[in-house]
Every structure is written in C-alpha cells, then in structure tokens.
Amino acid sequence: QYARIFPSRPDLTKKIALYRELGNAYTYLGFNLKHKPFDDIRVRQAINYAVDKQELIDGVLLGLGEPVSSPYKPGTRWSNPELHPYPYDPKKALELLKQAGFEDHDGDGTLDRDGKPLAFEILTNQNKQREMSAVLIQRRLKEIGIDVKIRVLEWASFLGRFIKPGDFDVVVLGWSLSLDPDQFSIWHSSQQAPGQFNFIGYSNPKVDRLLEQGRLELNPEKRMKIYHEFAQILLQDSPLVYLYAGYGLPAIHKRVKGIDNPAPPAGIGHNSYEWYIPQPLRRSEISAQ
C-alpha cells in the first residue's frame, strides 16, 4: 500500500503524510549447527555469499528495508559501523564449498561430498515475507548447485515439532530487538535446552565471555565496545545469514505537525509529546448526549 497505492491516489497524498523508520527486528536464515554440513564455517559463509540480500530487499520489501550486519539496529550506538554484510559473490561461495569438499562429481548439477548431495530443507512459518524470501534464496542456491526444498508450517507445530526438539536443517525467522543490547539468551552456549532461544546450537567461548561481561559492565562506552566485538565475531562465524531489516511505515494525517522526517534511529515516535495540530487545523467535535 505504501509503495503502490498511496502514490497513485492524489486524494490520499493530499491529506496523509507517509513516514518510514527502521523497525526493531531483522529477518535471518539460521543454520542448525548440530547438523552436518552446517558445523563447517566454510559452508555457512558460502551460503552467506550466495544469498543476494539486495534482491530480497527489492523483491520482498519493495525496497523498503536495509541490509544488516549485526543483531543491532543500524544507526544506534550498539551497531558496529565497521561491519558490512557479506556481498553477493557466487564465485566466492563456490570456492569455499570446494574447500569444504563439495563439487559436482557426478555432473548432475548438484554439489556433493562423499557421494552425498548438498541438499537441505528450509523451514519457515506462515508469513508471506518469509515465504517469498525462502523462494528467492532457494533460487540463488540452486544456481550454485545446492538443492533446497521449502516447508511452510503453522506456528504452533513449527515450534513444537521442529524448533524445540531441534529437528530442522535451516530456518527463515526473525528476531525482535529490545532497547538493551544484552543478547545472552539468544547466543550464550548455556541457552540451548528445549524451549530456550539458542535453538540453532551456537557455541563460542569468546562470545560467551563477552556476553557475560556485557551484563556486568555499567560504563556505556566500554559496554558498546564489548557488543561491537561480539557482533564482529558473530558475523565472521556466520551461524546465520542476516537477510534484512524492514521499515516501519506509519501514515499520519498532515494536520499533525512536529514529526521528525527523516526519522532518527529511535523512530518517529521518539518526540511524540511534541506533536501538535496548529490552531487553524483543529476540529472541535461535540457529540450529542
């Protein structure tokens, strides 16, 4: 509606102002690190290079989003400005897969190792953006010889039958972000029991230490450095592929003034107490009792 309907309706554009702000969530492709071949960092990084993030933003979000390279909102102090997403580079992906022992030995168009094809299933829940993302990822991975199937599930069975018991290869899901940067419950190796958030099975002693330090550090500058280092290791390890962060897209009547545009990282509502309607545009309404 934001991208297609509003621009074609002069009656709406005359009255309604459109804003955009980066939402507090990101979508990702997550690997089950306890399943082969995802225990191999070269395979994970190869898939990261093989996914065209800009294609997803343009195709799924109609351009209304941004690539991300850390589990923090871009533009905030916790987001490490030195980090950049893995570029789309299928050649590099194939090089890494070759190093990991995957080649098309039998000429059938699918990479294999020790006679086993590189094939897996992407699970996601009934969410149109995630389903479309999975289809575009499937197409890009097929181009380099990875055979991917997609299964879309209702949320309760998705969690109960697959996520809790760890019975999956790859998922397309999203994480919402809190204002505090602590991500102990998602990434610490102690948080892998059924029902806990580290269901992909990520374990890195250095990350564990940083997450523990981050919880104890009160100095904002020192704390920021801890989480910048944490995000750097996470990007290198590639336990997931960051796909995109979508924009929040508020539409507000033009009578309302005092809204910052473009929106700061905190979103347009950060100064909502300063919003106002100028006197000539106010409408007094009296309802009959």
Protein backbone atom coordinates (compact mmCIF):
# COMPACT_ATOMS: atom_id res chain seq x y z
CA GLN A 1 0.00 0.00 0.00
CA TYR A 2 2.81 2.39 0.99
CA ALA A 3 4.74 1.84 -2.24
CA ARG A 4 1.91 1.33 -4.71
CA ILE A 5 -1.49 2.59 -3.61
CA PHE A 6 -0.67 5.91 -1.93
CA PRO A 7 1.41 7.38 -4.80
CA SER A 8 -1.42 6.64 -7.26
CA ARG A 9 -4.13 8.30 -5.12
CA PRO A 10 -3.89 12.14 -5.13
CA ASP A 11 -6.84 12.35 -2.69
CA LEU A 12 -4.77 10.40 -0.15
CA THR A 13 -1.42 12.10 -0.75
CA LYS A 14 -3.10 15.47 -0.24
CA LYS A 15 -4.23 14.53 3.26
CA ILE A 16 -1.85 11.84 4.51
CA ALA A 17 1.92 12.08 5.11
CA LEU A 18 3.97 8.90 4.79
CA TYR A 19 6.94 8.28 7.06
CA ARG A 20 9.42 5.47 7.33
CA GLU A 21 11.54 4.30 10.22
CA LEU A 22 13.75 1.28 10.67
CA GLY A 23 11.78 -1.38 12.53
CA ASN A 24 13.01 -3.11 15.71
CA ALA A 25 13.52 -6.51 14.07
CA TYR A 26 15.53 -8.34 11.44
CA THR A 27 14.89 -11.43 9.32
CA TYR A 28 17.50 -14.15 9.04
CA LEU A 29 18.38 -17.55 7.60
CA GLY A 30 19.54 -19.66 10.57
CA PHE A 31 21.52 -22.93 10.43
CA ASN A 32 21.17 -25.89 12.78
CA LEU A 33 24.83 -26.01 13.81
CA LYS A 34 24.42 -29.54 15.18
CA HIS A 35 23.56 -30.89 11.72
CA LYS A 36 26.18 -31.52 9.08
CA PRO A 37 27.36 -29.75 6.94
CA PHE A 38 26.41 -26.59 8.90
CA ASP A 39 29.03 -27.36 11.54
CA ASP A 40 31.55 -26.27 8.84
CA ILE A 41 32.11 -22.48 8.84
CA ARG A 42 33.09 -22.60 5.14
CA VAL A 43 29.64 -23.95 4.21
CA ARG A 44 27.88 -21.29 6.28
CA GLN A 45 29.98 -18.48 4.84
CA ALA A 46 29.50 -19.84 1.30
CA ILE A 47 25.71 -19.70 1.69
CA ASN A 48 26.07 -16.15 3.07
CA TYR A 49 27.94 -15.14 -0.11
CA ALA A 50 25.39 -16.96 -2.31
CA VAL A 51 22.37 -15.04 -0.99
CA ASP A 52 21.64 -11.72 -2.72
CA LYS A 53 20.38 -9.53 0.15
CA GLN A 54 19.56 -6.55 -2.07
CA GLU A 55 17.42 -8.80 -4.27
CA LEU A 56 15.44 -9.78 -1.15
CA ILE A 57 15.00 -6.15 -0.07
CA ASP A 58 13.85 -5.13 -3.56
CA GLY A 59 11.70 -8.19 -4.25
CA VAL A 60 10.16 -8.91 -0.85
CA LEU A 61 10.10 -5.45 0.77
CA LEU A 62 9.73 -3.40 -2.46
CA GLY A 63 12.95 -1.63 -1.46
CA LEU A 64 11.55 -0.64 1.94
CA GLY A 65 14.30 -2.05 4.14
CA GLU A 66 18.04 -2.21 4.73
CA PRO A 67 20.71 -4.91 4.82
CA VAL A 68 22.12 -5.60 8.30
CA SER A 69 25.44 -6.99 9.50
CA SER A 70 24.88 -7.26 13.25
CA PRO A 71 21.99 -8.17 15.55
CA TYR A 72 21.51 -4.47 16.39
CA LYS A 73 19.52 -1.69 14.80
CA PRO A 74 21.64 0.26 12.27
CA GLY A 75 22.31 3.82 13.38
CA THR A 76 22.25 3.01 17.10
CA ARG A 77 25.40 3.01 19.26
CA TRP A 78 25.29 -0.80 19.61
CA SER A 79 25.55 -1.36 15.86
CA ASN A 80 29.23 -1.69 14.88
CA PRO A 81 29.80 0.78 11.98
CA GLU A 82 32.88 -1.19 10.84
CA LEU A 83 30.82 -4.23 9.86
CA HIS A 84 29.36 -4.81 6.40
CA PRO A 85 27.08 -7.58 5.10
CA TYR A 86 28.60 -10.40 3.06
CA PRO A 87 28.40 -9.21 -0.57
CA TYR A 88 26.62 -11.31 -3.19
CA ASP A 89 29.51 -13.34 -4.63
CA PRO A 90 28.58 -16.78 -6.04
CA LYS A 91 32.16 -17.34 -7.23
CA LYS A 92 33.50 -16.93 -3.70
CA ALA A 93 30.70 -19.22 -2.45
CA LEU A 94 31.79 -21.98 -4.84
CA GLU A 95 35.44 -21.56 -3.81
CA LEU A 96 34.54 -22.04 -0.14
CA LEU A 97 32.35 -25.05 -0.89
CA LYS A 98 35.18 -26.60 -2.91
CA GLN A 99 37.50 -26.10 0.08
CA ALA A 100 34.89 -27.89 2.21
CA GLY A 101 34.94 -30.83 -0.25
CA PHE A 102 31.78 -30.09 -2.20
CA GLU A 103 31.96 -30.40 -6.01
CA ASP A 104 29.68 -31.68 -8.75
CA HIS A 105 31.46 -35.03 -9.07
CA ASP A 106 28.72 -36.85 -10.99
CA GLY A 107 27.69 -34.00 -13.32
CA ASP A 108 24.04 -33.84 -12.21
CA GLY A 109 24.19 -30.11 -11.40
CA THR A 110 24.18 -30.63 -7.61
CA LEU A 111 27.29 -30.37 -5.45
CA ASP A 112 28.17 -33.47 -3.46
CA ARG A 113 30.73 -34.73 -0.94
CA ASP A 114 31.49 -38.39 -0.26
CA GLY A 115 28.60 -39.33 -2.56
CA LYS A 116 26.05 -37.25 -0.62
CA PRO A 117 24.40 -34.28 -2.37
CA LEU A 118 24.41 -30.84 -0.73
CA ALA A 119 20.66 -30.70 -0.12
CA PHE A 120 18.54 -29.45 2.76
CA GLU A 121 15.13 -28.13 3.74
CA ILE A 122 14.31 -24.55 4.73
CA LEU A 123 11.54 -24.36 7.32
CA THR A 124 9.54 -21.21 7.93
CA ASN A 125 6.17 -20.24 9.36
CA GLN A 126 3.13 -18.90 7.54
CA ASN A 127 4.42 -15.41 6.85
CA LYS A 128 4.33 -14.07 3.29
CA GLN A 129 7.62 -12.13 3.55
CA ARG A 130 9.48 -15.13 4.94
CA GLU A 131 7.96 -17.48 2.36
CA MET A 132 8.97 -15.15 -0.51
CA SER A 133 12.45 -14.79 0.99
CA ALA A 134 12.85 -18.58 1.14
CA VAL A 135 11.87 -18.89 -2.55
CA LEU A 136 14.44 -16.28 -3.66
CA ILE A 137 17.14 -17.94 -1.52
CA GLN A 138 16.23 -21.35 -2.97
CA ARG A 139 16.69 -19.98 -6.49
CA ARG A 140 20.10 -18.42 -5.77
CA LEU A 141 21.38 -21.57 -4.05
CA LYS A 142 20.19 -23.75 -6.94
CA GLU A 143 22.36 -21.62 -9.26
CA ILE A 144 25.50 -22.76 -7.43
CA GLY A 145 24.41 -26.40 -7.12
CA ILE A 146 22.66 -26.56 -3.74
CA ASP A 147 19.33 -28.40 -3.74
CA VAL A 148 16.87 -26.69 -1.36
CA LYS A 149 13.30 -27.60 -0.51
CA ILE A 150 10.92 -25.31 1.40
CA ARG A 151 8.37 -26.31 4.04
CA VAL A 152 5.90 -23.74 5.42
CA LEU A 153 4.28 -24.55 8.75
CA GLU A 154 1.68 -23.21 11.12
CA TRP A 155 3.42 -21.51 14.08
CA ALA A 156 2.47 -23.91 16.91
CA SER A 157 3.57 -27.06 15.05
CA PHE A 158 6.65 -25.24 13.72
CA LEU A 159 7.77 -24.60 17.32
CA GLY A 160 6.54 -27.84 18.89
CA ARG A 161 7.55 -30.37 16.25
CA PHE A 162 10.73 -28.84 14.87
CA ILE A 163 12.29 -25.96 16.83
CA LYS A 164 12.01 -27.34 20.40
CA PRO A 165 13.39 -30.80 19.55
CA GLY A 166 16.00 -29.25 17.18
CA ASP A 167 14.70 -31.28 14.24
CA PHE A 168 15.48 -28.94 11.34
CA ASP A 169 18.28 -28.01 8.93
CA VAL A 170 17.70 -24.35 8.18
CA VAL A 171 15.02 -21.82 9.19
CA VAL A 172 13.89 -18.42 7.96
CA LEU A 173 12.80 -16.47 11.02
CA GLY A 174 13.14 -13.07 12.64
CA TRP A 175 14.34 -11.59 15.92
CA SER A 176 12.81 -8.54 17.53
CA LEU A 177 15.29 -6.22 19.21
CA SER A 178 14.99 -4.73 22.68
CA LEU A 179 16.42 -1.32 23.61
CA ASP A 180 19.05 -3.01 25.76
CA PRO A 181 21.85 -4.74 23.79
CA ASP A 182 22.07 -7.83 26.02
CA GLN A 183 21.63 -10.96 23.83
CA PHE A 184 22.74 -13.59 26.35
CA SER A 185 19.51 -15.59 25.98
CA ILE A 186 19.93 -15.93 22.19
CA TRP A 187 23.67 -16.54 21.77
CA HIS A 188 25.16 -17.89 25.03
CA SER A 189 26.03 -21.58 24.81
CA SER A 190 24.14 -22.29 28.07
CA GLN A 191 20.80 -21.35 26.45
CA GLN A 192 20.29 -24.43 24.25
CA ALA A 193 17.75 -26.50 26.21
CA PRO A 194 14.37 -27.20 24.52
CA GLY A 195 12.29 -24.03 24.65
CA GLN A 196 15.32 -21.72 25.06
CA PHE A 197 16.27 -19.20 22.40
CA ASN A 198 19.69 -20.56 21.27
CA PHE A 199 17.91 -23.33 19.34
CA ILE A 200 20.43 -23.23 16.46
CA GLY A 201 23.08 -24.56 18.86
CA TYR A 202 25.63 -21.74 18.65
CA SER A 203 28.61 -22.13 20.95
CA ASN A 204 31.71 -19.91 21.06
CA PRO A 205 33.66 -19.49 24.34
CA LYS A 206 34.81 -15.99 23.36
CA VAL A 207 31.21 -14.89 22.65
CA ASP A 208 30.12 -16.43 25.97
CA ARG A 209 32.73 -14.32 27.81
CA LEU A 210 31.72 -11.13 26.00
CA LEU A 211 28.02 -11.68 26.72
CA GLU A 212 28.82 -12.26 30.40
CA GLN A 213 30.99 -9.11 30.53
CA GLY A 214 28.30 -7.05 28.78
CA ARG A 215 25.80 -7.90 31.52
CA LEU A 216 28.18 -6.66 34.24
CA GLU A 217 29.57 -3.51 32.55
CA LEU A 218 27.89 -0.24 33.52
CA ASN A 219 30.11 2.15 31.55
CA PRO A 220 28.24 2.78 28.25
CA GLU A 221 31.44 3.26 26.18
CA LYS A 222 33.06 0.06 27.47
CA ARG A 223 29.78 -1.80 27.05
CA MET A 224 29.49 -0.59 23.46
CA LYS A 225 32.98 -1.96 22.66
CA ILE A 226 32.04 -5.34 24.14
CA TYR A 227 28.97 -5.64 21.92
CA HIS A 228 30.83 -4.36 18.85
CA GLU A 229 33.38 -7.16 19.31
CA PHE A 230 30.59 -9.69 19.91
CA ALA A 231 28.87 -8.65 16.64
CA GLN A 232 32.17 -8.88 14.73
CA ILE A 233 32.76 -12.49 15.86
CA LEU A 234 29.15 -13.37 15.06
CA LEU A 235 29.45 -12.01 11.51
CA GLN A 236 32.66 -13.97 10.98
CA ASP A 237 31.21 -17.22 12.40
CA SER A 238 28.07 -16.85 10.27
CA PRO A 239 25.72 -19.02 12.38
CA LEU A 240 23.00 -17.18 10.49
CA VAL A 241 22.68 -15.08 7.35
CA TYR A 242 21.28 -11.62 8.08
CA LEU A 243 18.71 -11.04 5.34
CA TYR A 244 17.19 -7.60 6.02
CA ALA A 245 15.57 -5.21 8.46
CA GLY A 246 12.26 -3.86 7.17
CA TYR A 247 11.00 -0.34 7.68
CA GLY A 248 8.07 0.56 9.85
CA LEU A 249 5.74 2.59 7.63
CA PRO A 250 3.46 4.96 9.55
CA ALA A 251 0.86 7.09 7.71
CA ILE A 252 -0.29 10.18 9.64
CA HIS A 253 -2.67 13.00 8.72
CA LYS A 254 -0.84 16.11 7.54
CA ARG A 255 -2.60 18.21 10.18
CA VAL A 256 -0.23 16.66 12.74
CA LYS A 257 3.00 18.70 12.93
CA GLY A 258 6.28 18.35 14.85
CA ILE A 259 7.22 14.93 13.45
CA ASP A 260 10.91 14.48 12.61
CA ASN A 261 11.45 13.48 8.99
CA PRO A 262 13.65 11.61 8.18
CA ALA A 263 13.11 9.57 11.31
CA PRO A 264 16.04 9.11 13.71
CA PRO A 265 17.05 5.54 14.73
CA ALA A 266 14.67 5.73 17.70
CA GLY A 267 11.73 6.09 15.28
CA ILE A 268 9.28 8.92 14.62
CA GLY A 269 7.54 8.42 17.97
CA HIS A 270 10.64 9.46 19.96
CA ASN A 271 9.25 13.01 20.38
CA SER A 272 5.52 12.31 20.18
CA TYR A 273 4.97 14.60 23.19
CA GLU A 274 5.99 17.50 20.89
CA TRP A 275 3.50 16.69 18.15
CA TYR A 276 0.67 19.16 17.73
CA ILE A 277 -2.15 20.31 15.45
CA PRO A 278 -1.96 24.04 14.59
CA GLN A 279 -4.96 26.08 15.77
CA PRO A 280 -6.48 26.70 12.29
CA LEU A 281 -6.44 22.95 11.56
CA ARG A 282 -8.06 21.85 14.80
CA ARG A 283 -11.56 20.46 14.72
CA SER A 284 -13.84 20.76 17.73
CA GLU A 285 -16.39 17.99 17.87
CA ILE A 286 -19.33 17.88 20.24
CA SER A 287 -21.22 14.63 20.38
CA ALA A 288 -24.94 14.74 21.14
CA GLN A 289 -25.80 13.18 24.51
